[in-house]
Amino acid sequence: MAVDQVHRCLNQIGAILLGAGIGWASVLVVPGQAKNPTKPIRSTSIGETGIDALRLQLPPYNLTGKKIAIGQVEIGRPGQFGIDKAVAQNRSMALTQVFYRNTRARTNTNVDSHAQNVASIMISAAKMARGVAPGARLYSSASGTPRRYGQPEECLSAQYVALQNGGDIRAINFSFGESLRFDPRAKPQLDGNALLTQCIDWSARVHNALYVIAGNQGKGGISVPTDNFNGINVAFTARVQELFARVDFANLGDPTSRATQGLESNVGPRRAIALAAPGHDVSLVNPNGSVTTSSGTSFAAPHVTGTIALLQEYGDSAIRRSLRDRSLSWTLDARRSEVMKAVLLNAADKLKDAGDGLLLGMSRTIADKNNRTWLQSDAYRDPQIPLHAHMGTGQLNAFRAYQQFSAGQWTPGTTIPAIGWDYRTVSSAATPTLSPSYQDYILEKRLQKGSFVAVTLTWNRLVELVDRDQNEEYTLGEEFRDRGLNNLDLYLMKAEDTDTKKAISSSISAVDSIEHIFDKIPATGRYKIRVQFRQQTNEPAQPYALAWWTVPTR
């Protein structure tokens, strides 16, 4: 979606513009359209002024997303060299495979400049507009523009992408969406029950792919599937003195507004945005190889998807090293989508560190649309609100995410280091034989008074496919069943305490699939993190991912 308005389409793939008096058809809205090809390219969004991913591409890290498969679903698709004339002069992007829904793409059809721009942020090797993960394997599907209601076809496209590379797609980028206006439900709202939203939550769990969704912009413009639980919705930031550091005014409307509740934001108190990323005047590559700039959440989301490819390349190499060296503890848990989500959210920038490390080494202060920081938000004050309305947990920082992820997996059975993550299961108190009703992670070293601690807990909503033809895949005409969200809570406690009522800090939302603590340590001492199964809604055992970052005493 462009920053000034909701674009209602559409492009060279044969979409029809909705005109006055024409009673018609589908409006699939794309969040961000390229513009002004002659505008000078400014400092890159993937370098130090943005997400600091270029550092990971250089020695000693040498991470480019090599051999990691990621996906893209849009109305159209990027062009593939050797197949499409539109990219005959552009060899900067090596796509792995392109599709039309659940079939191979036809030559010179459905090629779209917007999809090309988005793909370039992920995998471009162009010198003037290098992508986050130029070595990644990108699979892209065009869902097309079916008349009136396109969610079934979009679900089919997403599933087909998720099944590529032997079913090993680590993340799927959605830089488009649908308006609630054309949802066939009697009273459509952003309640998580649109077919495409349920499809994404089902696929995230079944295919273990992290869906990265461009956040809604404008008055309900691309609202579906931003009401998902299991993916990451991304807002976009603009530059402040050359640093991407402020949430752009054109992002999602105020979720406290009763006039737009359920149209622009989720029904009830559940927040939509989980993370922010650069998206204003970012560098993009057109099908013909020229470089341009544009703005929108469309171009923020692929920064996150590309970063996942970098982290997963590191994770795969760590798993291989663990096979040779049994003292290392890397397992296939590192590939879990919930782990990636927890790592990215926990490593986000909020407040600039003064150089003493007390603010976890964060690189900059992020301001919301009202020029307020995290410390001035209800998310900081209220334990029942884990996410900031405009920025989620903050802005993506790829290098800090690498630091968070590379710290490795640690179990609750022993003391844990200052930084790390885990993937585990917690069970309802009524079923103690499955696993404990809570897990305690006791920090090995004392934490420094006045330092901040960041902890993020993620888990999935349970959506099941109503599989009428019993082929274990979504087929057009089938539906999904929402079995709800188990309620987990997160606590920071003194190491010796057992009663959560004495917790130093907590995140206890009853409606979110994310809990997030960002708080100051009141006194130097030993602390622990507790994950508690609070209320059962579906299954008695709930897998979760946990990431933490603390400051030990020196």
Protein backbone atom coordinates (compact mmCIF):
# COMPACT_ATOMS: atom_id res chain seq x y z
CA MET A 1 0.00 0.00 0.00
CA ALA A 2 1.38 3.41 -0.91
CA VAL A 3 1.85 5.75 1.97
CA ASP A 4 -0.75 8.26 0.83
CA GLN A 5 -3.74 6.06 0.13
CA VAL A 6 -5.10 2.55 -0.31
CA HIS A 7 -4.36 1.51 -3.89
CA ARG A 8 -7.21 -0.43 -5.45
CA CYS A 9 -5.52 -1.79 -8.15
CA LEU A 10 -4.20 -2.90 -10.22
CA ASN A 11 -1.30 -3.71 -12.57
CA GLN A 12 -0.30 -5.51 -15.69
CA ILE A 13 -1.61 -8.87 -14.60
CA GLY A 14 -5.08 -8.13 -15.84
CA ALA A 15 -6.70 -6.74 -12.74
CA ILE A 16 -9.73 -4.46 -13.11
CA LEU A 17 -9.97 -1.08 -11.46
CA LEU A 18 -13.09 -0.54 -9.42
CA GLY A 19 -14.79 2.47 -11.01
CA ALA A 20 -17.72 4.54 -9.88
CA GLY A 21 -21.00 2.84 -10.61
CA ILE A 22 -19.43 -0.48 -11.65
CA GLY A 23 -20.91 -3.22 -9.55
CA TRP A 24 -18.18 -5.78 -9.64
CA ALA A 25 -15.56 -7.70 -8.32
CA SER A 26 -12.52 -8.31 -6.24
CA VAL A 27 -10.31 -5.61 -4.86
CA LEU A 28 -7.00 -7.10 -3.74
CA VAL A 29 -4.86 -4.31 -2.36
CA VAL A 30 -1.09 -4.18 -2.59
CA PRO A 31 0.70 -2.36 0.25
CA GLY A 32 3.29 -0.28 -1.59
CA GLN A 33 3.76 0.75 -5.22
CA ALA A 34 7.10 1.75 -6.70
CA LYS A 35 7.43 5.37 -7.76
CA ASN A 36 9.85 8.06 -8.89
CA PRO A 37 12.57 5.97 -10.57
CA THR A 38 14.88 8.99 -10.82
CA LYS A 39 14.90 9.75 -7.11
CA PRO A 40 18.43 9.41 -5.65
CA ILE A 41 19.11 6.28 -3.63
CA ARG A 42 19.84 7.13 0.00
CA SER A 43 21.51 5.06 2.68
CA THR A 44 20.47 1.45 2.46
CA SER A 45 17.76 -0.03 4.63
CA ILE A 46 19.70 -3.25 5.12
CA GLY A 47 22.88 -1.56 6.35
CA GLU A 48 23.69 0.11 9.67
CA THR A 49 21.11 2.85 9.13
CA GLY A 50 18.44 0.15 8.80
CA ILE A 51 18.40 -3.44 10.02
CA ASP A 52 22.21 -3.94 10.07
CA ALA A 53 22.08 -7.09 7.93
CA LEU A 54 24.95 -6.22 5.58
CA ARG A 55 27.35 -6.89 8.47
CA LEU A 56 26.18 -10.51 8.51
CA GLN A 57 26.96 -10.91 4.80
CA LEU A 58 30.62 -10.00 5.40
CA PRO A 59 33.43 -11.93 7.16
CA PRO A 60 33.55 -13.47 9.67
CA TYR A 61 29.83 -14.29 9.41
CA ASN A 62 29.47 -14.77 5.62
CA LEU A 63 25.72 -15.30 5.84
CA THR A 64 23.70 -14.82 2.65
CA GLY A 65 20.84 -17.27 3.21
CA LYS A 66 22.61 -19.91 1.12
CA LYS A 67 20.53 -23.08 0.60
CA ILE A 68 17.69 -21.69 2.75
CA ALA A 69 14.28 -21.76 1.05
CA ILE A 70 11.86 -18.90 1.56
CA GLY A 71 8.55 -18.13 -0.14
CA GLN A 72 6.52 -15.27 -1.55
CA VAL A 73 2.79 -15.02 -2.31
CA GLU A 74 1.26 -12.01 -4.06
CA ILE A 75 -1.28 -11.12 -6.71
CA GLY A 76 1.46 -11.32 -9.34
CA ARG A 77 4.96 -12.71 -9.29
CA PRO A 78 8.51 -11.56 -9.98
CA GLY A 79 9.98 -12.45 -13.34
CA GLN A 80 12.39 -15.37 -13.65
CA PHE A 81 15.39 -15.08 -15.93
CA GLY A 82 15.15 -17.47 -18.85
CA ILE A 83 11.35 -17.63 -18.63
CA ASP A 84 10.07 -14.05 -18.77
CA LYS A 85 11.05 -11.34 -21.28
CA ALA A 86 10.46 -8.61 -18.72
CA VAL A 87 13.64 -9.61 -16.85
CA ALA A 88 15.79 -10.52 -19.85
CA GLN A 89 18.19 -7.67 -18.99
CA ASN A 90 18.13 -8.27 -15.25
CA ARG A 91 20.35 -10.97 -13.81
CA SER A 92 20.59 -9.54 -10.31
CA MET A 93 17.87 -11.84 -8.93
CA ALA A 94 18.06 -15.60 -9.20
CA LEU A 95 14.63 -16.99 -8.35
CA THR A 96 14.41 -20.72 -7.77
CA GLN A 97 10.89 -21.31 -9.07
CA VAL A 98 7.75 -19.35 -9.92
CA PHE A 99 4.14 -20.52 -9.95
CA TYR A 100 0.60 -19.52 -10.72
CA ARG A 101 -1.37 -20.69 -7.69
CA ASN A 102 -0.62 -24.41 -7.50
CA THR A 103 0.82 -24.90 -10.98
CA ARG A 104 3.98 -23.88 -12.77
CA ALA A 105 3.93 -20.32 -14.05
CA ARG A 106 3.43 -19.76 -17.75
CA THR A 107 5.99 -17.76 -19.69
CA ASN A 108 5.46 -13.99 -19.64
CA THR A 109 2.26 -14.16 -17.58
CA ASN A 110 1.44 -12.61 -14.21
CA VAL A 111 4.82 -10.85 -14.01
CA ASP A 112 4.34 -7.88 -11.70
CA SER A 113 6.67 -5.00 -10.84
CA HIS A 114 5.44 -4.86 -7.24
CA ALA A 115 6.26 -8.52 -6.66
CA GLN A 116 9.65 -7.92 -8.30
CA ASN A 117 10.34 -4.98 -5.97
CA VAL A 118 9.44 -7.04 -2.91
CA ALA A 119 11.56 -10.00 -4.03
CA SER A 120 14.53 -7.71 -4.59
CA ILE A 121 14.63 -6.76 -0.90
CA MET A 122 14.97 -10.45 -0.09
CA ILE A 123 17.37 -11.80 -2.72
CA SER A 124 18.74 -9.06 -5.02
CA ALA A 125 22.46 -9.22 -5.76
CA ALA A 126 22.48 -5.78 -7.41
CA LYS A 127 25.24 -3.49 -6.13
CA MET A 128 22.95 -0.50 -5.80
CA ALA A 129 20.14 -2.41 -4.09
CA ARG A 130 21.48 -5.54 -2.45
CA GLY A 131 18.97 -7.83 -0.81
CA VAL A 132 19.03 -9.08 2.77
CA ALA A 133 19.66 -12.70 1.75
CA PRO A 134 20.96 -12.83 -1.87
CA GLY A 135 21.90 -16.48 -1.51
CA ALA A 136 18.44 -17.69 -0.44
CA ARG A 137 16.23 -19.89 -2.60
CA LEU A 138 13.02 -17.98 -3.37
CA TYR A 139 9.81 -19.71 -4.45
CA SER A 140 7.11 -17.29 -5.58
CA SER A 141 3.47 -17.85 -6.48
CA ALA A 142 0.98 -15.48 -8.11
CA SER A 143 -2.49 -16.00 -6.72
CA GLY A 144 -4.03 -13.94 -9.54
CA THR A 145 -7.08 -11.71 -9.20
CA PRO A 146 -10.19 -13.88 -8.96
CA ARG A 147 -13.42 -11.94 -9.06
CA ARG A 148 -14.78 -10.68 -5.77
CA TYR A 149 -13.40 -13.21 -3.25
CA GLY A 150 -9.85 -14.45 -3.66
CA GLN A 151 -9.01 -15.90 -0.26
CA PRO A 152 -9.39 -19.58 -1.32
CA GLU A 153 -6.97 -19.10 -4.21
CA GLU A 154 -4.54 -17.23 -2.00
CA CYS A 155 -4.66 -20.06 0.55
CA LEU A 156 -4.02 -22.55 -2.24
CA SER A 157 -1.03 -20.50 -3.40
CA ALA A 158 0.41 -20.25 0.12
CA GLN A 159 0.06 -23.99 0.68
CA TYR A 160 1.74 -24.76 -2.65
CA VAL A 161 4.70 -22.56 -1.76
CA ALA A 162 4.94 -24.12 1.71
CA LEU A 163 5.22 -27.58 0.13
CA GLN A 164 8.18 -26.67 -2.10
CA ASN A 165 11.81 -27.65 -1.41
CA GLY A 166 10.64 -30.95 0.02
CA GLY A 167 8.30 -29.11 2.40
CA ASP A 168 11.20 -27.15 3.90
CA ILE A 169 10.26 -23.49 3.47
CA ARG A 170 11.40 -21.48 6.49
CA ALA A 171 9.38 -18.28 5.92
CA ILE A 172 6.72 -16.99 3.50
CA ASN A 173 6.32 -13.30 2.67
CA PHE A 174 2.85 -11.74 2.19
CA SER A 175 3.18 -8.17 0.88
CA PHE A 176 -0.47 -7.86 -0.02
CA GLY A 177 -3.87 -8.51 1.47
CA GLU A 178 -7.64 -8.42 1.02
CA SER A 179 -10.26 -5.96 2.15
CA LEU A 180 -12.93 -7.07 4.60
CA ARG A 181 -15.38 -5.45 2.19
CA PHE A 182 -15.33 -8.58 0.02
CA ASP A 183 -15.21 -11.20 2.76
CA PRO A 184 -18.35 -13.36 2.35
CA ARG A 185 -19.07 -13.71 6.07
CA ALA A 186 -22.28 -12.09 7.29
CA LYS A 187 -20.52 -9.56 9.54
CA PRO A 188 -16.82 -9.74 8.69
CA GLN A 189 -14.40 -8.42 11.28
CA LEU A 190 -10.74 -8.89 12.10
CA ASP A 191 -11.46 -11.66 14.56
CA GLY A 192 -9.08 -14.28 13.17
CA ASN A 193 -11.82 -16.18 11.35
CA ALA A 194 -11.39 -15.09 7.72
CA LEU A 195 -10.55 -18.14 5.60
CA LEU A 196 -7.13 -16.79 4.58
CA THR A 197 -6.26 -15.90 8.17
CA GLN A 198 -7.18 -19.37 9.39
CA CYS A 199 -5.27 -20.87 6.46
CA ILE A 200 -2.09 -19.04 7.45
CA ASP A 201 -2.35 -20.07 11.10
CA TRP A 202 -2.98 -23.69 10.01
CA SER A 203 -0.07 -23.69 7.56
CA ALA A 204 2.33 -22.05 10.02
CA ARG A 205 1.76 -24.94 12.41
CA VAL A 206 1.48 -27.83 9.93
CA HIS A 207 4.24 -26.73 7.53
CA ASN A 208 6.44 -25.04 10.15
CA ALA A 209 6.76 -21.88 8.05
CA LEU A 210 6.83 -18.42 9.62
CA TYR A 211 4.45 -16.14 7.71
CA VAL A 212 5.60 -12.51 7.51
CA ILE A 213 2.63 -10.25 6.76
CA ALA A 214 2.68 -6.63 5.59
CA GLY A 215 0.71 -4.62 8.14
CA ASN A 216 -2.54 -2.96 7.19
CA GLN A 217 -2.45 0.65 5.95
CA GLY A 218 -5.36 3.02 5.47
CA LYS A 219 -9.00 2.45 6.28
CA GLY A 220 -9.29 -1.32 6.24
CA GLY A 221 -7.36 -1.54 2.98
CA ILE A 222 -5.44 -4.81 3.32
CA SER A 223 -6.75 -5.97 6.64
CA VAL A 224 -6.97 -9.71 5.88
CA PRO A 225 -4.84 -11.60 6.98
CA THR A 226 -3.41 -9.15 9.53
CA ASP A 227 -5.63 -10.75 12.19
CA ASN A 228 -3.49 -13.91 12.22
CA PHE A 229 -2.01 -15.30 15.43
CA ASN A 230 0.90 -17.46 14.25
CA GLY A 231 2.73 -15.09 11.90
CA ILE A 232 4.46 -11.70 12.26
CA ASN A 233 2.67 -8.53 11.14
CA VAL A 234 5.12 -5.80 10.17
CA ALA A 235 4.75 -2.00 10.33
CA PHE A 236 7.17 0.32 8.54
CA THR A 237 9.55 3.00 9.76
CA ALA A 238 10.98 6.14 8.18
CA ARG A 239 14.31 7.89 8.60
CA VAL A 240 15.13 10.33 11.37
CA GLN A 241 18.48 11.97 10.57
CA GLU A 242 19.27 9.10 8.17
CA LEU A 243 18.47 6.38 10.72
CA PHE A 244 15.28 4.35 10.32
CA ALA A 245 13.83 5.11 13.72
CA ARG A 246 10.25 6.35 13.57
CA VAL A 247 7.05 4.49 12.72
CA ASP A 248 5.61 6.09 9.59
CA PHE A 249 2.31 7.96 9.86
CA ALA A 250 0.72 5.83 7.11
CA ASN A 251 0.69 2.60 9.13
CA LEU A 252 -2.23 0.88 10.82
CA GLY A 253 -4.85 3.16 12.36
CA ASP A 254 -5.20 3.67 16.08
CA PRO A 255 -6.53 0.39 17.59
CA THR A 256 -8.29 2.30 20.36
CA SER A 257 -10.64 3.98 17.87
CA ARG A 258 -14.13 2.53 18.16
CA ALA A 259 -14.96 3.71 14.64
CA THR A 260 -12.34 1.45 13.06
CA GLN A 261 -12.14 -1.41 15.57
CA GLY A 262 -12.53 -4.70 13.74
CA LEU A 263 -11.85 -3.03 10.37
CA GLU A 264 -8.34 -1.61 10.71
CA SER A 265 -7.36 -3.42 13.90
CA ASN A 266 -8.26 -6.63 15.66
CA VAL A 267 -11.51 -7.05 17.52
CA GLY A 268 -10.92 -6.64 21.24
CA PRO A 269 -7.62 -5.84 22.95
CA ARG A 270 -5.37 -8.10 20.84
CA ARG A 271 -2.70 -6.06 19.04
CA ALA A 272 -1.98 -6.56 15.34
CA ILE A 273 1.60 -5.34 14.83
CA ALA A 274 4.41 -7.52 16.17
CA LEU A 275 7.47 -5.85 14.64
CA ALA A 276 8.54 -2.81 12.63
CA ALA A 277 11.10 -2.64 9.82
CA PRO A 278 12.37 0.01 7.37
CA GLY A 279 9.85 0.79 4.66
CA HIS A 280 10.04 4.47 3.70
CA ASP A 281 11.97 5.32 0.53
CA VAL A 282 13.76 1.98 0.44
CA SER A 283 15.79 0.85 -2.57
CA LEU A 284 14.15 -1.65 -4.93
CA VAL A 285 14.96 -3.37 -8.21
CA ASN A 286 12.49 -3.23 -11.13
CA PRO A 287 12.01 -6.07 -13.63
CA ASN A 288 14.30 -4.33 -16.13
CA GLY A 289 17.09 -4.08 -13.56
CA SER A 290 16.72 -0.36 -12.83
CA VAL A 291 16.79 0.79 -9.21
CA THR A 292 13.97 2.82 -7.70
CA THR A 293 12.62 3.77 -4.28
CA SER A 294 9.21 3.39 -2.69
CA SER A 295 7.43 3.21 0.64
CA GLY A 296 4.98 0.96 2.45
CA THR A 297 4.61 -2.09 4.64
CA SER A 298 5.06 -4.15 1.46
CA PHE A 299 8.73 -3.30 1.61
CA ALA A 300 9.13 -3.63 5.37
CA ALA A 301 7.95 -7.27 5.50
CA PRO A 302 10.65 -8.73 3.18
CA HIS A 303 13.37 -7.29 5.44
CA VAL A 304 12.06 -9.69 8.08
CA THR A 305 11.71 -12.64 5.69
CA GLY A 306 15.27 -12.16 4.40
CA THR A 307 16.62 -11.95 7.95
CA ILE A 308 15.03 -15.31 8.74
CA ALA A 309 17.01 -16.82 5.84
CA LEU A 310 20.27 -15.46 7.29
CA LEU A 311 19.52 -16.82 10.75
CA GLN A 312 18.43 -20.18 9.41
CA GLU A 313 21.65 -20.54 7.42
CA TYR A 314 23.55 -20.03 10.65
CA GLY A 315 21.24 -22.45 12.47
CA ASP A 316 21.73 -25.19 9.89
CA SER A 317 25.51 -24.85 10.12
CA ALA A 318 25.29 -25.01 13.93
CA ILE A 319 23.18 -28.18 13.69
CA ARG A 320 25.80 -29.76 11.41
CA ARG A 321 28.55 -28.85 13.88
CA SER A 322 26.54 -30.43 16.68
CA LEU A 323 26.43 -33.70 14.76
CA ARG A 324 30.25 -33.73 14.84
CA ASP A 325 30.66 -32.30 18.33
CA ARG A 326 28.25 -33.72 20.89
CA SER A 327 29.15 -31.00 23.40
CA LEU A 328 27.14 -28.56 21.28
CA SER A 329 23.39 -28.51 21.89
CA TRP A 330 21.91 -27.38 18.57
CA THR A 331 18.93 -29.46 17.42
CA LEU A 332 16.18 -29.23 14.83
CA ASP A 333 14.34 -27.02 17.33
CA ALA A 334 16.36 -24.20 15.75
CA ARG A 335 14.17 -24.55 12.65
CA ARG A 336 10.91 -24.05 14.50
CA SER A 337 8.90 -21.07 13.30
CA GLU A 338 7.98 -20.20 16.91
CA VAL A 339 11.70 -19.95 17.76
CA MET A 340 12.34 -17.58 14.86
CA LYS A 341 9.42 -15.45 15.92
CA ALA A 342 10.59 -15.24 19.55
CA VAL A 343 14.17 -14.47 18.53
CA LEU A 344 13.25 -11.68 16.09
CA LEU A 345 10.82 -10.03 18.48
CA ASN A 346 13.09 -10.24 21.51
CA ALA A 347 16.11 -8.79 19.68
CA ALA A 348 14.23 -5.76 18.32
CA ASP A 349 15.50 -2.22 18.96
CA LYS A 350 13.50 -0.05 21.39
CA LEU A 351 15.82 2.36 23.21
CA LYS A 352 19.38 3.37 22.37
CA ASP A 353 21.99 1.96 24.74
CA ALA A 354 24.26 4.58 26.32
CA GLY A 355 27.31 2.33 25.88
CA ASP A 356 27.15 0.69 29.30
CA GLY A 357 25.13 -2.28 28.06
CA LEU A 358 22.27 -1.68 30.46
CA LEU A 359 19.85 -1.34 27.52
CA LEU A 360 21.05 -4.63 26.00
CA GLY A 361 23.25 -2.93 23.41
CA MET A 362 20.31 -1.61 21.38
CA SER A 363 21.36 0.60 18.48
CA ARG A 364 18.67 3.30 18.48
CA THR A 365 15.52 4.66 20.05
CA ILE A 366 12.37 3.91 18.06
CA ALA A 367 9.53 6.43 18.20
CA ASP A 368 5.90 5.73 17.40
CA LYS A 369 3.67 7.82 15.13
CA ASN A 370 3.10 10.23 18.01
CA ASN A 371 6.86 10.55 18.64
CA ARG A 372 6.66 8.60 21.90
CA THR A 373 9.00 5.82 22.97
CA TRP A 374 8.30 2.36 24.36
CA LEU A 375 8.61 3.69 27.92
CA GLN A 376 5.63 5.98 27.30
CA SER A 377 3.38 3.20 25.98
CA ASP A 378 0.66 1.14 27.61
CA ALA A 379 2.65 -1.97 26.66
CA TYR A 380 5.34 -0.87 29.12
CA ARG A 381 2.87 -0.08 31.91
CA ASP A 382 0.25 -2.82 31.57
CA PRO A 383 1.23 -6.52 31.94
CA GLN A 384 -1.91 -7.50 30.01
CA ILE A 385 -0.64 -5.69 26.87
CA PRO A 386 2.50 -7.34 25.46
CA LEU A 387 2.82 -5.36 22.21
CA HIS A 388 3.09 -1.67 21.37
CA ALA A 389 0.19 -0.64 19.13
CA HIS A 390 2.44 0.91 16.46
CA MET A 391 5.73 -1.02 16.63
CA GLY A 392 5.05 -4.38 18.32
CA THR A 393 8.22 -5.16 20.27
CA GLY A 394 10.31 -2.61 18.34
CA GLN A 395 12.25 -2.44 15.08
CA LEU A 396 13.97 -5.39 13.45
CA ASN A 397 17.73 -5.54 14.03
CA ALA A 398 19.21 -8.43 12.06
CA PHE A 399 22.57 -8.36 13.81
CA ARG A 400 21.04 -8.38 17.28
CA ALA A 401 18.76 -11.21 16.14
CA TYR A 402 21.90 -13.12 15.14
CA GLN A 403 23.37 -12.47 18.59
CA GLN A 404 20.15 -13.67 20.22
CA PHE A 405 19.92 -16.80 18.06
CA SER A 406 23.61 -17.76 18.10
CA ALA A 407 23.56 -17.79 21.92
CA GLY A 408 21.92 -21.20 21.50
CA GLN A 409 19.26 -23.34 23.10
CA TRP A 410 19.18 -23.85 26.86
CA THR A 411 16.93 -26.05 28.94
CA PRO A 412 15.10 -25.29 32.20
CA GLY A 413 16.75 -28.25 33.95
CA THR A 414 20.01 -26.35 34.50
CA THR A 415 20.98 -22.73 34.99
CA ILE A 416 20.92 -20.62 31.84
CA PRO A 417 23.26 -17.91 30.49
CA ALA A 418 22.38 -14.24 30.10
CA ILE A 419 21.20 -14.64 26.49
CA GLY A 420 19.54 -17.64 24.85
CA TRP A 421 16.37 -19.37 23.67
CA ASP A 422 14.46 -22.62 24.09
CA TYR A 423 11.67 -24.66 22.51
CA ARG A 424 9.69 -26.78 24.93
CA THR A 425 6.25 -27.93 26.06
CA VAL A 426 4.16 -26.97 29.06
CA SER A 427 0.93 -28.68 30.08
CA SER A 428 -2.33 -27.99 31.80
CA ALA A 429 -2.22 -28.50 35.55
CA ALA A 430 -4.87 -31.20 35.06
CA THR A 431 -2.43 -33.32 33.01
CA PRO A 432 0.86 -33.40 34.97
CA THR A 433 2.00 -36.64 33.31
CA LEU A 434 2.46 -34.90 29.96
CA SER A 435 4.85 -32.14 31.13
CA PRO A 436 4.98 -29.62 33.98
CA SER A 437 2.34 -26.90 34.24
CA TYR A 438 5.21 -24.40 34.37
CA GLN A 439 8.87 -24.27 33.40
CA ASP A 440 11.45 -22.28 35.38
CA TYR A 441 14.61 -20.92 33.75
CA ILE A 442 17.06 -19.88 36.48
CA LEU A 443 19.70 -17.42 35.31
CA GLU A 444 23.20 -18.54 36.18
CA LYS A 445 24.58 -15.11 37.08
CA ARG A 446 23.18 -12.27 39.10
CA LEU A 447 21.52 -9.51 37.10
CA GLN A 448 22.71 -5.92 37.31
CA LYS A 449 20.54 -3.38 39.09
CA GLY A 450 19.24 -0.76 36.65
CA SER A 451 19.73 -2.98 33.62
CA PHE A 452 16.86 -4.01 31.39
CA VAL A 453 15.68 -7.51 30.64
CA ALA A 454 13.85 -8.61 27.49
CA VAL A 455 11.92 -11.88 27.38
CA THR A 456 9.56 -13.09 24.66
CA LEU A 457 7.24 -16.09 24.66
CA THR A 458 5.47 -17.30 21.51
CA TRP A 459 3.11 -20.17 20.75
CA ASN A 460 0.51 -21.08 18.12
CA ARG A 461 -3.24 -20.89 17.87
CA LEU A 462 -4.64 -24.31 16.94
CA VAL A 463 -6.43 -24.20 13.58
CA GLU A 464 -7.33 -27.48 11.88
CA LEU A 465 -8.26 -28.26 8.30
CA VAL A 466 -11.74 -29.70 7.72
CA ASP A 467 -10.30 -32.18 5.23
CA ARG A 468 -13.32 -33.47 3.34
CA ASP A 469 -11.34 -35.37 0.70
CA GLN A 470 -8.87 -36.75 3.27
CA ASN A 471 -5.79 -35.84 1.24
CA GLU A 472 -4.20 -33.84 4.12
CA GLU A 473 -4.05 -30.72 1.92
CA TYR A 474 -6.30 -27.73 1.48
CA THR A 475 -8.57 -28.03 -1.55
CA LEU A 476 -10.77 -25.28 -2.95
CA GLY A 477 -14.14 -25.44 -1.19
CA GLU A 478 -12.74 -26.77 2.09
CA GLU A 479 -12.76 -24.86 5.36
CA PHE A 480 -10.84 -24.62 8.61
CA ARG A 481 -11.83 -25.06 12.23
CA ASP A 482 -10.55 -22.71 14.93
CA ARG A 483 -9.91 -24.58 18.17
CA GLY A 484 -8.71 -21.46 19.92
CA LEU A 485 -5.63 -20.38 21.82
CA ASN A 486 -4.31 -21.86 25.02
CA ASN A 487 -3.38 -19.18 27.53
CA LEU A 488 0.27 -19.06 28.63
CA ASP A 489 1.76 -16.45 30.96
CA LEU A 490 5.30 -15.18 31.45
CA TYR A 491 6.99 -14.02 34.67
CA LEU A 492 10.31 -12.61 35.84
CA MET A 493 10.85 -13.64 39.45
CA LYS A 494 13.49 -13.75 42.14
CA ALA A 495 15.26 -17.10 41.91
CA GLU A 496 14.06 -18.23 45.32
CA ASP A 497 10.41 -17.26 44.91
CA THR A 498 7.67 -19.74 43.99
CA ASP A 499 4.57 -17.55 44.06
CA THR A 500 3.92 -15.64 40.81
CA LYS A 501 2.14 -12.95 42.82
CA LYS A 502 5.62 -11.86 43.95
CA ALA A 503 6.90 -11.56 40.37
CA ILE A 504 9.16 -8.60 39.55
CA SER A 505 7.53 -8.29 36.12
CA SER A 506 4.99 -10.22 34.10
CA SER A 507 3.20 -10.49 30.76
CA ILE A 508 -0.24 -12.00 31.25
CA SER A 509 -2.37 -11.25 28.22
CA ALA A 510 -5.44 -13.47 27.97
CA VAL A 511 -5.88 -12.97 24.21
CA ASP A 512 -2.44 -12.83 22.55
CA SER A 513 -0.18 -15.64 21.29
CA ILE A 514 2.81 -13.53 22.37
CA GLU A 515 3.95 -12.51 25.83
CA HIS A 516 6.73 -9.94 26.13
CA ILE A 517 8.56 -8.49 29.11
CA PHE A 518 10.80 -5.43 28.84
CA ASP A 519 11.55 -4.06 32.27
CA LYS A 520 14.24 -2.71 34.56
CA ILE A 521 15.91 -4.86 37.23
CA PRO A 522 15.15 -3.25 40.63
CA ALA A 523 18.03 -4.78 42.58
CA THR A 524 21.15 -6.80 41.83
CA GLY A 525 20.40 -10.46 42.48
CA ARG A 526 19.49 -13.90 41.15
CA TYR A 527 16.41 -14.15 38.96
CA LYS A 528 14.46 -16.69 36.97
CA ILE A 529 11.96 -16.74 34.11
CA ARG A 530 8.76 -18.73 34.46
CA VAL A 531 6.50 -19.95 31.63
CA GLN A 532 3.10 -20.94 33.03
CA PHE A 533 0.20 -22.78 31.40
CA ARG A 534 -2.62 -20.60 32.68
CA GLN A 535 -5.78 -21.83 30.93
CA GLN A 536 -6.55 -24.71 28.57
CA THR A 537 -8.68 -24.01 25.49
CA ASN A 538 -7.71 -26.90 23.20
CA GLU A 539 -4.99 -29.51 23.72
CA PRO A 540 -3.60 -30.16 27.22
CA ALA A 541 0.05 -29.82 26.10
CA GLN A 542 1.29 -26.61 24.45
CA PRO A 543 4.64 -26.24 22.63
CA TYR A 544 6.22 -22.79 22.98
CA ALA A 545 9.38 -20.85 22.17
CA LEU A 546 11.16 -18.58 24.62
CA ALA A 547 13.94 -16.02 24.05
CA TRP A 548 15.67 -13.93 26.71
CA TRP A 549 18.34 -11.21 26.91
CA THR A 550 19.65 -9.97 30.24
CA VAL A 551 22.66 -8.12 31.70
CA PRO A 552 24.69 -10.04 34.31
CA THR A 553 26.89 -8.33 36.89
CA ARG A 554 30.48 -7.88 35.83
